[in-house]
Amino acid sequence: MGAKTQWLDGRFRFNLTAFMYDYTDLQVQQALRQGVVVINNAASADVKGAEVEIRALIASRLEMSASATYLDATYDEFPDSEVPEALAEYLIGDPNYDPSVGEAGGYNAAGKRLSNAPEFAYAVAARFTQPVARGELYLLGNYRWQDRTDFDPSNADIVSEPAYGLLTV
């Protein structure tokens, strides 16, 4: 559900979205070793989130925008996640890891975050436009930040990307 609104003769835009997904039999792709990819069945997963976007024309040539996203994306049940060979040594001692399952072990990923689903992200931008004889020149600055991103159902640190921000001008 959500709302997309424009105000002040289109100079101000405010969009708000909230969503929820309840997955059953979610298919999860995992790379076990070089050249070997499997698709496993995560029994169930829930994804809930919200996003807000704001854009404002501050002056005739200056536009600013911002967005923020919250994402709660976790496996409800995923008892049979396979463990990549290279990851097994990093999971020793984890109570969800069972080295006796499969080639490199099995992992119960219930309660772990889905892959490629950072919890928070936001962006801000400003754009200044200058008309010239044959079009426009503009100066654009962006800053985007996102939370840690996991790339394996185990959410092991070794296969995740720490939170980061990126500034472009």
Protein backbone atom coordinates (compact mmCIF):
# COMPACT_ATOMS: atom_id res chain seq x y z
CA MET A 1 0.00 0.00 0.00
CA GLY A 2 1.19 3.51 -0.46
CA ALA A 3 0.64 7.01 -1.66
CA LYS A 4 2.18 9.03 -4.47
CA THR A 5 1.54 12.74 -4.05
CA GLN A 6 2.51 16.01 -5.72
CA TRP A 7 2.04 19.43 -4.18
CA LEU A 8 2.78 23.08 -4.96
CA ASP A 9 2.13 22.79 -8.69
CA GLY A 10 4.36 19.72 -8.98
CA ARG A 11 7.35 21.32 -7.24
CA PHE A 12 7.11 18.96 -4.25
CA ARG A 13 6.65 15.19 -4.45
CA PHE A 14 6.14 12.86 -1.49
CA ASN A 15 5.79 9.11 -1.97
CA LEU A 16 5.31 6.55 0.76
CA THR A 17 5.13 2.79 0.29
CA ALA A 18 4.71 -0.08 2.75
CA PHE A 19 4.81 -3.72 1.71
CA MET A 20 4.74 -7.25 3.04
CA TYR A 21 5.54 -10.57 1.38
CA ASP A 22 4.92 -13.98 2.89
CA TYR A 23 6.91 -16.54 0.88
CA THR A 24 6.25 -20.26 0.90
CA ASP A 25 8.74 -22.57 -0.85
CA LEU A 26 11.10 -19.69 -1.64
CA GLN A 27 13.81 -20.83 -4.06
CA VAL A 28 17.32 -19.82 -2.95
CA GLN A 29 20.35 -20.09 -5.23
CA GLN A 30 23.68 -20.92 -3.59
CA ALA A 31 27.18 -21.32 -5.05
CA LEU A 32 28.74 -24.32 -3.30
CA ARG A 33 32.10 -24.15 -5.07
CA GLN A 34 33.42 -22.88 -8.36
CA GLY A 35 31.11 -24.10 -11.13
CA VAL A 36 28.59 -25.73 -8.76
CA VAL A 37 25.38 -23.84 -8.05
CA VAL A 38 22.35 -25.38 -6.37
CA ILE A 39 18.82 -24.16 -5.84
CA ASN A 40 17.45 -24.98 -2.41
CA ASN A 41 13.97 -24.63 -1.02
CA ALA A 42 13.72 -22.29 1.94
CA ALA A 43 10.48 -23.44 3.56
CA SER A 44 9.24 -19.91 4.31
CA ALA A 45 10.33 -16.31 4.56
CA ASP A 46 8.76 -12.98 5.48
CA VAL A 47 9.65 -9.62 4.02
CA LYS A 48 8.24 -6.39 5.42
CA GLY A 49 9.35 -2.91 4.58
CA ALA A 50 8.68 0.72 3.92
CA GLU A 51 10.10 3.35 1.63
CA VAL A 52 9.75 7.10 1.55
CA GLU A 53 10.80 9.40 -1.32
CA ILE A 54 10.84 13.19 -1.34
CA ARG A 55 11.69 15.50 -4.23
CA ALA A 56 11.50 19.26 -4.09
CA LEU A 57 12.22 21.98 -6.61
CA ILE A 58 13.78 24.49 -4.20
CA ALA A 59 14.34 27.19 -6.81
CA SER A 60 13.82 27.32 -10.57
CA ARG A 61 17.12 25.47 -11.19
CA LEU A 62 17.78 23.66 -7.90
CA GLU A 63 16.18 20.29 -7.18
CA MET A 64 16.79 18.22 -4.05
CA SER A 65 15.69 14.68 -3.32
CA ALA A 66 15.93 12.09 -0.56
CA SER A 67 14.81 8.53 -0.03
CA ALA A 68 14.94 6.04 2.82
CA THR A 69 14.17 2.34 2.95
CA TYR A 70 13.62 -0.10 5.82
CA LEU A 71 13.58 -3.82 5.06
CA ASP A 72 12.92 -6.67 7.50
CA ALA A 73 13.64 -9.77 5.40
CA THR A 74 14.20 -13.04 7.25
CA TYR A 75 13.81 -16.77 6.74
CA ASP A 76 11.07 -18.19 8.96
CA GLU A 77 12.15 -21.72 8.16
CA PHE A 78 15.19 -22.86 6.17
CA PRO A 79 16.47 -26.02 7.88
CA ASP A 80 18.36 -27.44 4.89
CA SER A 81 20.61 -24.68 3.61
CA GLU A 82 23.78 -26.15 2.12
CA VAL A 83 27.14 -24.75 3.13
CA PRO A 84 29.72 -23.78 0.49
CA GLU A 85 33.05 -25.61 0.89
CA ALA A 86 34.99 -22.41 1.51
CA LEU A 87 32.57 -21.28 4.22
CA ALA A 88 32.54 -24.43 6.38
CA GLU A 89 35.62 -23.51 8.45
CA TYR A 90 34.04 -20.15 9.40
CA LEU A 91 30.89 -21.81 10.76
CA ILE A 92 32.57 -24.21 13.20
CA GLY A 93 31.03 -23.54 16.61
CA ASP A 94 27.85 -22.01 15.19
CA PRO A 95 24.93 -23.98 16.73
CA ASN A 96 23.01 -23.83 13.43
CA TYR A 97 25.83 -25.55 11.51
CA ASP A 98 25.82 -29.35 11.14
CA PRO A 99 29.04 -30.57 9.48
CA SER A 100 27.60 -34.09 9.02
CA VAL A 101 25.05 -32.97 6.39
CA GLY A 102 25.94 -32.91 2.67
CA GLU A 103 29.42 -32.31 1.26
CA ALA A 104 30.47 -29.40 3.46
CA GLY A 105 27.67 -29.34 6.02
CA GLY A 106 24.14 -28.09 6.46
CA TYR A 107 22.86 -24.93 8.05
CA ASN A 108 19.55 -24.02 9.69
CA ALA A 109 19.07 -20.43 8.50
CA ALA A 110 15.78 -19.79 10.33
CA GLY A 111 15.78 -16.21 11.61
CA LYS A 112 18.66 -15.12 9.34
CA ARG A 113 18.41 -12.27 6.83
CA LEU A 114 17.73 -12.99 3.17
CA SER A 115 20.62 -12.48 0.77
CA ASN A 116 20.99 -9.06 -0.86
CA ALA A 117 18.54 -7.45 1.58
CA PRO A 118 20.16 -4.68 3.66
CA GLU A 119 18.01 -3.54 6.58
CA PHE A 120 18.39 0.22 6.00
CA ALA A 121 19.35 2.37 3.01
CA TYR A 122 19.05 6.04 2.25
CA ALA A 123 20.06 8.50 -0.43
CA VAL A 124 20.17 12.27 -0.81
CA ALA A 125 20.84 14.27 -3.95
CA ALA A 126 20.98 17.82 -5.22
CA ARG A 127 20.92 18.94 -8.85
CA PHE A 128 21.60 22.43 -10.17
CA THR A 129 20.66 23.05 -13.82
CA GLN A 130 22.03 25.87 -15.98
CA PRO A 131 20.42 26.53 -19.39
CA VAL A 132 22.90 27.04 -22.25
CA ALA A 133 22.48 27.77 -25.94
CA ARG A 134 21.98 24.14 -26.99
CA GLY A 135 20.44 22.50 -23.93
CA GLU A 136 21.39 22.35 -20.28
CA LEU A 137 24.42 21.83 -18.11
CA TYR A 138 23.93 20.45 -14.66
CA LEU A 139 25.86 19.73 -11.52
CA LEU A 140 24.64 16.70 -9.63
CA GLY A 141 25.73 15.45 -6.21
CA ASN A 142 24.54 12.15 -4.71
CA TYR A 143 25.19 10.36 -1.46
CA ARG A 144 23.91 6.83 -0.93
CA TRP A 145 24.34 4.68 2.17
CA GLN A 146 23.26 1.12 2.81
CA ASP A 147 23.46 -1.27 5.72
CA ARG A 148 25.41 -4.52 5.80
CA THR A 149 24.42 -6.93 3.01
CA ASP A 150 24.61 -10.70 3.42
CA PHE A 151 25.27 -13.01 0.46
CA ASP A 152 24.66 -16.41 2.08
CA PRO A 153 21.80 -17.73 4.23
CA SER A 154 24.22 -18.27 7.14
CA ASN A 155 24.83 -14.49 7.33
CA ALA A 156 28.50 -15.28 8.05
CA ASP A 157 30.69 -12.17 8.18
CA ILE A 158 33.12 -13.56 5.59
CA VAL A 159 30.40 -13.57 2.90
CA SER A 160 28.85 -10.20 3.63
CA GLU A 161 29.53 -6.62 2.68
CA PRO A 162 29.83 -4.11 5.53
CA ALA A 163 27.67 -1.00 5.54
CA TYR A 164 29.01 1.70 3.25
CA GLY A 165 28.29 5.09 1.77
CA LEU A 166 29.08 6.35 -1.70
CA LEU A 167 29.42 10.00 -2.70
CA THR A 168 29.33 10.96 -6.38
CA VAL A 169 29.58 14.41 -7.92
